[in-house]
Amino acid sequence: MGVKKSILALVLISFILNHTAALADYRENANPNTLKIASMTDVQVDHWAKESIDYLVSKNILTGYPDGTFKPNNYISREEAVKVIVLALNKDPKQEQKSKFPDVAEGFWAEEYINVAKDENIITGYPDGSFGLGNNLTRGEMAAILVRAFGLKPTNEQGSLPFPDVAKGYWAYKDILALYQQGVVEGYPDGTYGPENTITRAEFATFVERILNPVKEENPSPNPTEEITAFSFDFEKMLKEGQEQTLALSVTYNDGTTKDVTKDTTFKVENPEVAVIQNGKIKALKEGKTKLTANYKGQIAETVVEVKKAVVEQPEPNNPEGPMVISLNYRLDPVTIKGFTFTHKGWWVDSENPNPKYIDRDTGNPVMPGWVNEVGIYDTKIPDFSETPLPAGNYIFYNGKTNKDIYSDALDLIRDGLPLTKDEFINAVNQLNKTKKPVVIQKITFDFYNKNENGENFIVVKVS
């Protein structure tokens, strides 16, 4: 009996000591982000930011509140954000320094982290010299702090943001541009960025995790810092009223690799009376033309979408074995080959053809369709495109620089077997004229021909 009482007493003493130590640890770490816990009780399995939060917790960068919660929807304060960044950078707090800001008292739980951030030029404070202790972090401030902390830069400094609420004169414009082009931040569903909006703890965790732990794909995409040499709009751009096409954009990098970037691209039509964008599709509304702009991480590509009237009248095939009897108001469907679209634009007399395909219903004369391409050039037939690839060699053409000239050169070479689409060719020429550097697409090089003698007057396409 005496032995049992002794064991019980030891168990009670052990419990009291452990409980007292745990309570002391709780009180000592009563500030957020200081007590590491195995899992966050308020971050459910299906929470949109769970993977990011778990990753930072596993690296001892992010921790929760003493009660086991993370409070993902709470706004993150400036001091909380600073501590996360300092830990992410693996910087050691300098314990013997005095506070760097008048509003941060010595001994404050985040003082050492704030001092490190100040020394590393991660934070600069407000114009009045204060840190802004207790203030919630805005999305604009977040961009500036993350860019300074991790040394991020825009992949294209001449690029622009797709967010209408971030003007180029905004103080953190370049910081937001860097995060956007690096794939760290995105806008809201309405297309805005919200630079003055405060940021939640879950949002901040997601942005930091995207920097530290870039997404790894089964087939890795080209490095986003590689130069994009061409854009390709991979959908039909000649539509009839009421017709829809799924939007698609791909890019070609300077190493010749390509990537579908549709999901990361913002599309915009210039004339919403002609066409509109709905649920990832462009819908033709009214006959006419409209410019379509694609913004991929600040880099802009443009094309033209043309809408034709829907054909109501149908031909009268009253002689199935012979020519088709038609009204001259009848129009054939547009034909697209290698990205070139040819539109039926009326009928021509075909009296010399012994085997006409069409007969004018009113006159009985044989007729043939006339076609017009996208730059307004008419012909009585659609060009024949060679199925045989263009032989290796150098192909030179005059650098006219106008849309019509570039289109005509693209048509000539691609028709003869150059294995590119119209958009790939045109974008490569435009990129060459813009960057003054050779452009490579699928092992085909676009460069200025004999630049030392001819300047930029001629372009050579080198097929290997």
Protein backbone atom coordinates (compact mmCIF):
# COMPACT_ATOMS: atom_id res chain seq x y z
CA MET A 1 0.00 0.00 0.00
CA GLY A 2 2.88 2.37 0.88
CA VAL A 3 4.52 1.63 -2.48
CA LYS A 4 1.31 2.49 -4.39
CA LYS A 5 1.02 5.83 -2.55
CA SER A 6 4.64 6.66 -3.41
CA ILE A 7 4.07 5.91 -7.12
CA LEU A 8 0.89 7.99 -7.13
CA ALA A 9 2.72 10.89 -5.51
CA LEU A 10 5.46 10.77 -8.14
CA VAL A 11 2.89 10.73 -10.96
CA LEU A 12 1.13 13.78 -9.47
CA ILE A 13 4.42 15.67 -9.05
CA SER A 14 5.40 14.87 -12.65
CA PHE A 15 2.02 16.01 -13.93
CA ILE A 16 2.18 19.27 -11.96
CA LEU A 17 5.73 20.04 -13.15
CA ASN A 18 4.90 19.30 -16.80
CA HIS A 19 1.65 21.25 -16.63
CA THR A 20 3.40 24.20 -15.00
CA ALA A 21 6.10 24.17 -17.68
CA ALA A 22 3.53 24.03 -20.44
CA LEU A 23 1.57 26.90 -18.89
CA ALA A 24 4.75 28.97 -18.59
CA ASP A 25 5.57 28.24 -22.23
CA TYR A 26 2.03 29.29 -23.20
CA ARG A 27 2.33 32.62 -21.40
CA GLU A 28 5.82 33.28 -22.71
CA ASN A 29 4.66 32.67 -26.24
CA ALA A 30 1.32 34.45 -26.08
CA ASN A 31 2.05 36.36 -29.30
CA PRO A 32 1.07 34.84 -32.68
CA ASN A 33 3.54 32.95 -34.85
CA THR A 34 5.71 31.80 -31.93
CA LEU A 35 4.43 28.42 -30.76
CA LYS A 36 5.10 25.61 -33.18
CA ILE A 37 2.31 23.08 -33.40
CA ALA A 38 1.96 19.88 -35.36
CA SER A 39 -1.21 20.95 -37.18
CA MET A 40 -3.57 23.90 -37.28
CA THR A 41 -6.95 22.94 -35.92
CA ASP A 42 -8.77 25.62 -37.91
CA VAL A 43 -7.11 24.85 -41.26
CA GLN A 44 -9.22 22.11 -42.76
CA VAL A 45 -7.97 19.52 -45.23
CA ASP A 46 -9.75 21.26 -48.12
CA HIS A 47 -8.65 24.79 -47.19
CA TRP A 48 -7.30 26.53 -50.29
CA ALA A 49 -4.05 27.56 -48.53
CA LYS A 50 -3.42 24.39 -46.51
CA GLU A 51 -0.50 23.14 -48.62
CA SER A 52 1.28 26.49 -48.35
CA ILE A 53 0.67 26.73 -44.61
CA ASP A 54 1.82 23.15 -44.00
CA TYR A 55 4.97 23.73 -46.04
CA LEU A 56 5.98 26.79 -44.01
CA VAL A 57 5.17 25.02 -40.74
CA SER A 58 7.37 22.08 -41.79
CA LYS A 59 10.25 24.49 -42.32
CA ASN A 60 9.75 26.13 -38.90
CA ILE A 61 8.98 29.39 -40.66
CA LEU A 62 5.34 29.65 -39.72
CA THR A 63 3.65 28.67 -36.48
CA GLY A 64 0.27 29.23 -34.96
CA TYR A 65 -1.34 30.53 -31.83
CA PRO A 66 -0.96 28.76 -28.48
CA ASP A 67 -4.50 27.36 -28.70
CA GLY A 68 -3.56 25.36 -31.79
CA THR A 69 -5.21 27.65 -34.32
CA PHE A 70 -3.72 29.58 -37.22
CA LYS A 71 -6.59 32.01 -37.86
CA PRO A 72 -6.05 32.02 -41.65
CA ASN A 73 -8.63 34.74 -42.28
CA ASN A 74 -7.16 37.19 -39.77
CA TYR A 75 -5.22 40.08 -41.29
CA ILE A 76 -1.48 39.81 -40.82
CA SER A 77 0.29 42.66 -39.05
CA ARG A 78 3.54 44.21 -40.20
CA GLU A 79 5.49 42.69 -37.32
CA GLU A 80 4.05 39.21 -37.92
CA ALA A 81 4.99 39.43 -41.61
CA VAL A 82 8.51 40.60 -40.77
CA LYS A 83 9.13 37.63 -38.50
CA VAL A 84 7.98 35.16 -41.16
CA ILE A 85 10.32 36.72 -43.73
CA VAL A 86 13.33 36.79 -41.39
CA LEU A 87 12.80 33.12 -40.56
CA ALA A 88 12.33 32.29 -44.26
CA LEU A 89 15.66 33.95 -44.99
CA ASN A 90 17.27 32.02 -42.11
CA LYS A 91 18.58 35.22 -40.55
CA ASP A 92 19.60 35.18 -36.88
CA PRO A 93 17.95 37.85 -34.70
CA LYS A 94 20.45 40.29 -33.20
CA GLN A 95 19.58 40.24 -29.53
CA GLU A 96 21.92 42.96 -28.28
CA GLN A 97 20.75 45.74 -30.57
CA LYS A 98 18.49 48.56 -29.47
CA SER A 99 15.14 49.08 -31.16
CA LYS A 100 15.46 50.69 -34.59
CA PHE A 101 12.05 52.40 -34.43
CA PRO A 102 10.55 54.68 -31.79
CA ASP A 103 7.23 52.82 -31.74
CA VAL A 104 8.85 49.41 -31.14
CA ALA A 105 9.61 49.07 -27.43
CA GLU A 106 12.71 47.23 -26.28
CA GLY A 107 11.75 43.73 -25.26
CA PHE A 108 8.76 43.60 -27.63
CA TRP A 109 8.41 40.05 -28.92
CA ALA A 110 9.17 40.99 -32.55
CA GLU A 111 11.82 43.64 -31.84
CA GLU A 112 14.79 41.47 -32.83
CA TYR A 113 13.16 40.44 -36.12
CA ILE A 114 12.26 44.03 -36.94
CA ASN A 115 15.86 45.08 -36.28
CA VAL A 116 17.14 42.40 -38.68
CA ALA A 117 14.65 43.46 -41.36
CA LYS A 118 15.77 47.08 -40.96
CA ASP A 119 19.46 46.16 -41.21
CA GLU A 120 18.81 44.06 -44.32
CA ASN A 121 16.82 46.90 -45.94
CA ILE A 122 13.73 44.71 -46.08
CA ILE A 123 11.69 47.41 -44.34
CA THR A 124 12.24 51.14 -44.24
CA GLY A 125 9.38 52.30 -42.05
CA TYR A 126 7.01 55.22 -42.56
CA PRO A 127 8.07 58.78 -43.48
CA ASP A 128 7.64 59.86 -39.84
CA GLY A 129 10.31 57.35 -38.78
CA SER A 130 7.93 54.85 -37.20
CA PHE A 131 7.59 51.15 -38.02
CA GLY A 132 3.82 51.08 -37.91
CA LEU A 133 3.55 48.56 -35.13
CA GLY A 134 0.18 46.82 -35.08
CA ASN A 135 -0.78 48.05 -38.56
CA ASN A 136 -2.08 45.41 -40.92
CA LEU A 137 0.03 44.79 -44.01
CA THR A 138 -1.40 45.97 -47.34
CA ARG A 139 -0.95 44.15 -50.65
CA GLY A 140 1.18 47.01 -51.93
CA GLU A 141 3.46 46.92 -48.86
CA MET A 142 3.61 43.14 -49.12
CA ALA A 143 4.91 43.37 -52.70
CA ALA A 144 7.63 45.85 -51.75
CA ILE A 145 8.78 43.82 -48.73
CA LEU A 146 8.90 40.48 -50.57
CA VAL A 147 10.77 41.94 -53.52
CA ARG A 148 13.40 43.50 -51.26
CA ALA A 149 13.70 40.41 -49.09
CA PHE A 150 14.11 37.84 -51.86
CA GLY A 151 15.74 40.03 -54.51
CA LEU A 152 12.98 39.49 -57.08
CA LYS A 153 12.98 41.38 -60.37
CA PRO A 154 10.53 41.66 -63.28
CA THR A 155 11.26 39.24 -66.11
CA ASN A 156 10.37 42.06 -68.50
CA GLU A 157 10.75 45.57 -67.12
CA GLN A 158 9.01 46.99 -70.17
CA GLY A 159 5.96 44.87 -69.44
CA SER A 160 2.77 46.15 -67.89
CA LEU A 161 0.25 44.99 -65.32
CA PRO A 162 -3.28 43.92 -66.29
CA PHE A 163 -4.76 45.44 -63.14
CA PRO A 164 -6.72 48.66 -63.80
CA ASP A 165 -6.36 49.78 -60.16
CA VAL A 166 -2.53 49.84 -60.23
CA ALA A 167 -1.35 52.86 -62.19
CA LYS A 168 2.23 53.05 -63.47
CA GLY A 169 2.82 55.91 -61.07
CA TYR A 170 1.86 53.83 -58.02
CA TRP A 171 4.79 53.68 -55.59
CA ALA A 172 4.95 49.85 -55.58
CA TYR A 173 4.17 49.34 -59.29
CA LYS A 174 7.50 47.70 -60.15
CA ASP A 175 7.34 45.50 -57.06
CA ILE A 176 3.87 44.25 -57.99
CA LEU A 177 5.06 43.78 -61.59
CA ALA A 178 7.95 41.61 -60.37
CA LEU A 179 5.68 39.40 -58.26
CA TYR A 180 3.12 39.14 -61.08
CA GLN A 181 5.67 38.20 -63.72
CA GLN A 182 7.31 35.71 -61.36
CA GLY A 183 3.93 34.03 -60.82
CA VAL A 184 3.73 34.89 -57.12
CA VAL A 185 0.59 37.04 -57.14
CA GLU A 186 -2.60 37.14 -59.13
CA GLY A 187 -5.50 39.53 -59.18
CA TYR A 188 -9.00 39.21 -57.83
CA PRO A 189 -11.76 37.59 -59.93
CA ASP A 190 -12.92 41.06 -61.04
CA GLY A 191 -9.49 41.73 -62.58
CA THR A 192 -8.23 44.16 -59.91
CA TYR A 193 -5.22 43.79 -57.62
CA GLY A 194 -6.31 45.82 -54.56
CA PRO A 195 -2.96 47.41 -53.64
CA GLU A 196 -4.39 49.10 -50.55
CA ASN A 197 -6.33 46.05 -49.37
CA THR A 198 -5.05 44.37 -46.23
CA ILE A 199 -3.74 40.83 -46.60
CA THR A 200 -4.77 37.79 -44.59
CA ARG A 201 -2.44 35.35 -42.87
CA ALA A 202 -3.42 32.63 -45.38
CA GLU A 203 -2.73 34.89 -48.37
CA PHE A 204 0.66 35.92 -47.02
CA ALA A 205 1.60 32.29 -46.32
CA THR A 206 0.68 31.40 -49.90
CA PHE A 207 2.79 34.17 -51.44
CA VAL A 208 5.85 33.34 -49.34
CA GLU A 209 5.51 29.62 -50.10
CA ARG A 210 5.29 30.32 -53.85
CA ILE A 211 8.65 32.08 -53.65
CA LEU A 212 10.35 29.41 -51.53
CA ASN A 213 8.74 26.40 -53.14
CA PRO A 214 7.99 27.00 -56.83
CA VAL A 215 5.56 24.52 -58.35
CA LYS A 216 7.30 21.48 -59.77
CA GLU A 217 5.56 19.95 -62.78
CA GLU A 218 5.96 16.45 -64.21
CA ASN A 219 7.14 18.07 -67.43
CA PRO A 220 8.91 21.21 -66.24
CA SER A 221 8.01 24.35 -68.12
CA PRO A 222 10.69 26.64 -69.47
CA ASN A 223 12.29 28.94 -66.93
CA PRO A 224 10.07 32.03 -66.73
CA THR A 225 13.18 34.20 -66.89
CA GLU A 226 13.93 32.90 -70.38
CA GLU A 227 13.06 35.32 -73.14
CA ILE A 228 9.76 34.79 -74.95
CA THR A 229 10.31 35.00 -78.69
CA ALA A 230 6.79 34.43 -80.02
CA PHE A 231 3.14 34.24 -79.06
CA SER A 232 0.57 32.06 -80.83
CA PHE A 233 -3.22 32.47 -80.59
CA ASP A 234 -4.28 28.85 -80.95
CA PHE A 235 -7.90 29.26 -82.01
CA GLU A 236 -9.95 30.29 -85.03
CA LYS A 237 -10.06 34.08 -85.38
CA MET A 238 -12.57 34.25 -88.25
CA LEU A 239 -16.01 33.74 -86.71
CA LYS A 240 -19.64 33.95 -87.69
CA GLU A 241 -22.24 35.81 -85.66
CA GLY A 242 -23.17 33.70 -82.64
CA GLN A 243 -20.14 31.43 -82.95
CA GLU A 244 -17.84 30.77 -79.95
CA GLN A 245 -14.19 29.77 -79.76
CA THR A 246 -12.23 28.65 -76.69
CA LEU A 247 -9.37 31.09 -76.05
CA ALA A 248 -5.87 29.61 -76.15
CA LEU A 249 -2.42 31.17 -76.09
CA SER A 250 1.00 29.55 -76.25
CA VAL A 251 4.46 31.08 -76.08
CA THR A 252 7.77 30.09 -77.60
CA TYR A 253 10.98 30.67 -75.65
CA ASN A 254 14.39 31.50 -77.03
CA ASP A 255 15.50 27.88 -76.67
CA GLY A 256 12.72 26.77 -79.02
CA THR A 257 10.46 25.22 -76.36
CA THR A 258 6.78 26.10 -76.21
CA LYS A 259 4.27 26.34 -73.38
CA ASP A 260 0.50 26.72 -73.14
CA VAL A 261 -0.05 29.81 -70.97
CA THR A 262 -3.79 30.23 -71.44
CA LYS A 263 -4.69 29.87 -67.76
CA ASP A 264 -2.19 32.58 -66.79
CA THR A 265 -3.29 35.00 -69.51
CA THR A 266 -5.80 37.84 -69.38
CA PHE A 267 -7.69 38.41 -72.63
CA LYS A 268 -9.46 41.63 -73.60
CA VAL A 269 -11.44 42.68 -76.68
CA GLU A 270 -11.25 46.28 -77.88
CA ASN A 271 -14.76 46.43 -79.36
CA PRO A 272 -17.34 44.60 -77.20
CA GLU A 273 -20.03 45.27 -79.80
CA VAL A 274 -18.28 42.86 -82.16
CA ALA A 275 -17.28 40.15 -79.67
CA VAL A 276 -17.15 39.49 -75.93
CA ILE A 277 -15.23 37.16 -73.67
CA GLN A 278 -17.26 34.80 -71.49
CA ASN A 279 -16.09 31.81 -69.44
CA GLY A 280 -12.80 31.44 -71.28
CA LYS A 281 -14.38 31.77 -74.71
CA ILE A 282 -14.73 34.55 -77.24
CA LYS A 283 -18.25 34.92 -78.61
CA ALA A 284 -18.98 36.65 -81.91
CA LEU A 285 -21.88 39.11 -81.68
CA LYS A 286 -21.94 41.41 -84.69
CA GLU A 287 -20.24 41.69 -88.07
CA GLY A 288 -17.01 43.63 -87.85
CA LYS A 289 -13.42 43.45 -86.58
CA THR A 290 -11.97 43.88 -83.10
CA LYS A 291 -8.49 43.77 -81.66
CA LEU A 292 -7.91 41.01 -79.11
CA THR A 293 -5.19 41.64 -76.55
CA ALA A 294 -3.54 38.92 -74.47
CA ASN A 295 -1.58 39.89 -71.35
CA TYR A 296 0.70 37.14 -70.10
CA LYS A 297 2.55 38.27 -66.97
CA GLY A 298 2.92 41.78 -68.29
CA GLN A 299 3.88 40.83 -71.84
CA ILE A 300 1.37 41.84 -74.50
CA ALA A 301 0.35 40.02 -77.68
CA GLU A 302 -2.32 41.20 -80.10
CA THR A 303 -4.37 39.74 -82.92
CA VAL A 304 -7.52 40.66 -84.84
CA VAL A 305 -10.80 38.76 -84.64
CA GLU A 306 -13.17 39.20 -87.56
CA VAL A 307 -16.88 38.43 -87.33
CA LYS A 308 -18.96 37.68 -90.44
CA LYS A 309 -22.70 37.63 -90.82
CA ALA A 310 -24.28 34.24 -90.32
CA VAL A 311 -25.22 32.63 -93.63
CA VAL A 312 -28.96 32.05 -93.89
CA GLU A 313 -29.46 31.14 -97.52
CA GLN A 314 -28.38 27.69 -98.59
CA PRO A 315 -27.41 26.51 -102.08
CA GLU A 316 -29.76 24.55 -104.26
CA PRO A 317 -28.04 21.30 -105.16
CA ASN A 318 -30.74 20.35 -107.69
CA ASN A 319 -28.24 18.42 -109.76
CA PRO A 320 -26.33 16.22 -107.30
CA GLU A 321 -24.26 14.62 -110.07
CA GLY A 322 -23.23 17.91 -111.68
CA PRO A 323 -22.51 21.54 -110.77
CA MET A 324 -24.19 23.06 -107.74
CA VAL A 325 -26.79 25.68 -108.63
CA ILE A 326 -26.41 28.62 -106.31
CA SER A 327 -27.59 32.14 -105.71
CA LEU A 328 -24.85 34.75 -105.96
CA ASN A 329 -25.75 35.76 -102.40
CA TYR A 330 -24.58 32.41 -101.12
CA ARG A 331 -21.29 32.38 -99.23
CA LEU A 332 -18.96 29.49 -98.55
CA ASP A 333 -17.46 28.97 -95.10
CA PRO A 334 -14.08 30.60 -94.34
CA VAL A 335 -11.10 28.30 -94.76
CA THR A 336 -8.14 28.36 -92.35
CA ILE A 337 -4.80 26.73 -93.16
CA LYS A 338 -1.67 27.10 -91.00
CA GLY A 339 -3.32 30.06 -89.28
CA PHE A 340 -4.16 31.87 -92.55
CA THR A 341 -7.87 32.52 -93.04
CA PHE A 342 -9.42 32.96 -96.47
CA THR A 343 -12.93 34.41 -96.71
CA HIS A 344 -15.34 33.91 -99.58
CA LYS A 345 -16.00 37.33 -101.12
CA GLY A 346 -18.31 36.85 -104.11
CA TRP A 347 -18.33 34.95 -107.39
CA TRP A 348 -16.34 35.18 -110.62
CA VAL A 349 -17.37 34.06 -114.09
CA ASP A 350 -15.85 30.65 -114.85
CA SER A 351 -16.78 30.27 -118.51
CA GLU A 352 -13.51 28.62 -119.57
CA ASN A 353 -13.84 25.77 -117.08
CA PRO A 354 -15.17 22.63 -118.82
CA ASN A 355 -16.14 21.13 -115.44
CA PRO A 356 -17.52 24.01 -113.35
CA LYS A 357 -18.42 23.31 -109.75
CA TYR A 358 -21.02 26.07 -109.41
CA ILE A 359 -23.73 27.49 -111.69
CA ASP A 360 -25.39 30.87 -111.21
CA ARG A 361 -29.09 30.19 -110.64
CA ASP A 362 -30.22 33.40 -112.37
CA THR A 363 -28.02 33.38 -115.50
CA GLY A 364 -27.03 29.74 -115.87
CA ASN A 365 -23.39 30.80 -116.21
CA PRO A 366 -20.62 28.78 -114.55
CA VAL A 367 -19.04 30.67 -111.66
CA MET A 368 -16.19 30.16 -109.21
CA PRO A 369 -15.71 31.60 -105.72
CA GLY A 370 -13.44 34.56 -105.09
CA TRP A 371 -11.40 34.62 -101.92
CA VAL A 372 -9.80 37.37 -99.89
CA ASN A 373 -7.11 36.91 -97.26
CA GLU A 374 -6.74 38.78 -93.98
CA VAL A 375 -4.88 41.74 -95.49
CA GLY A 376 -7.39 42.31 -98.30
CA ILE A 377 -5.69 40.53 -101.23
CA TYR A 378 -8.18 38.85 -103.60
CA ASP A 379 -7.68 35.65 -105.57
CA THR A 380 -9.82 33.13 -107.39
CA LYS A 381 -8.39 30.22 -105.45
CA ILE A 382 -7.03 29.38 -102.04
CA PRO A 383 -3.25 28.86 -102.14
CA ASP A 384 -1.97 25.31 -102.17
CA PHE A 385 0.18 24.64 -99.13
CA SER A 386 3.06 22.22 -99.63
CA GLU A 387 3.11 19.11 -97.49
CA THR A 388 6.86 18.80 -98.08
CA PRO A 389 8.98 20.66 -95.52
CA LEU A 390 11.09 23.50 -96.84
CA PRO A 391 14.67 22.29 -97.52
CA ALA A 392 17.45 23.41 -95.19
CA GLY A 393 18.92 26.74 -96.21
CA ASN A 394 18.66 30.50 -95.87
CA TYR A 395 15.54 32.31 -97.09
CA ILE A 396 15.78 36.07 -97.40
CA PHE A 397 13.01 38.65 -97.68
CA TYR A 398 12.71 42.40 -97.44
CA ASN A 399 11.87 43.70 -93.96
CA GLY A 400 8.82 45.76 -94.90
CA LYS A 401 7.69 45.96 -91.24
CA THR A 402 4.04 46.66 -92.16
CA ASN A 403 1.42 44.07 -91.26
CA LYS A 404 0.64 43.50 -94.93
CA ASP A 405 4.29 42.95 -95.87
CA ILE A 406 4.99 40.57 -93.00
CA TYR A 407 1.75 38.66 -93.71
CA SER A 408 2.67 38.26 -97.39
CA ASP A 409 6.17 37.00 -96.56
CA ALA A 410 4.73 34.57 -94.03
CA LEU A 411 2.23 33.28 -96.60
CA ASP A 412 4.90 32.80 -99.27
CA LEU A 413 7.29 30.84 -97.06
CA ILE A 414 4.73 28.80 -95.12
CA ARG A 415 2.91 27.94 -98.35
CA ASP A 416 6.23 26.60 -99.69
CA GLY A 417 6.69 24.35 -96.64
CA LEU A 418 8.13 26.40 -93.76
CA PRO A 419 6.83 24.40 -90.74
CA LEU A 420 5.38 27.35 -88.80
CA THR A 421 1.96 28.92 -88.36
CA LYS A 422 1.12 32.43 -89.45
CA ASP A 423 1.17 33.77 -85.87
CA GLU A 424 4.52 32.14 -85.10
CA PHE A 425 6.08 33.72 -88.18
CA ILE A 426 4.62 37.19 -87.65
CA ASN A 427 5.44 37.24 -83.93
CA ALA A 428 9.01 36.13 -84.64
CA VAL A 429 9.52 38.98 -87.11
CA ASN A 430 7.98 41.50 -84.73
CA GLN A 431 10.14 40.21 -81.87
CA LEU A 432 13.27 40.46 -84.02
CA ASN A 433 12.46 44.06 -84.96
CA LYS A 434 11.75 44.87 -81.32
CA THR A 435 14.67 43.21 -79.53
CA LYS A 436 17.25 43.32 -82.36
CA LYS A 437 18.26 39.80 -81.31
CA PRO A 438 17.93 36.52 -83.26
CA VAL A 439 14.69 34.64 -82.63
CA VAL A 440 14.58 30.83 -82.63
CA ILE A 441 11.38 28.84 -83.09
CA GLN A 442 11.48 25.07 -83.54
CA LYS A 443 15.13 25.23 -84.66
CA ILE A 444 14.26 27.92 -87.21
CA THR A 445 16.21 31.16 -86.73
CA PHE A 446 15.04 34.65 -87.71
CA ASP A 447 17.82 37.22 -87.97
CA PHE A 448 18.83 40.32 -89.91
CA TYR A 449 20.62 39.43 -93.13
CA ASN A 450 24.16 40.77 -93.43
CA LYS A 451 23.38 43.49 -90.92
CA ASN A 452 26.79 45.17 -91.24
CA GLU A 453 26.06 46.00 -94.88
CA ASN A 454 22.27 46.04 -95.13
CA GLY A 455 21.29 47.24 -91.68
CA GLU A 456 17.85 45.90 -90.80
CA ASN A 457 16.47 46.05 -94.34
CA PHE A 458 16.48 42.29 -94.92
CA ILE A 459 15.59 39.30 -92.78
CA VAL A 460 16.96 35.81 -93.23
CA VAL A 461 15.09 32.69 -92.11
CA LYS A 462 17.60 29.94 -91.43
CA VAL A 463 16.16 26.43 -91.73
CA SER A 464 18.44 23.72 -90.40
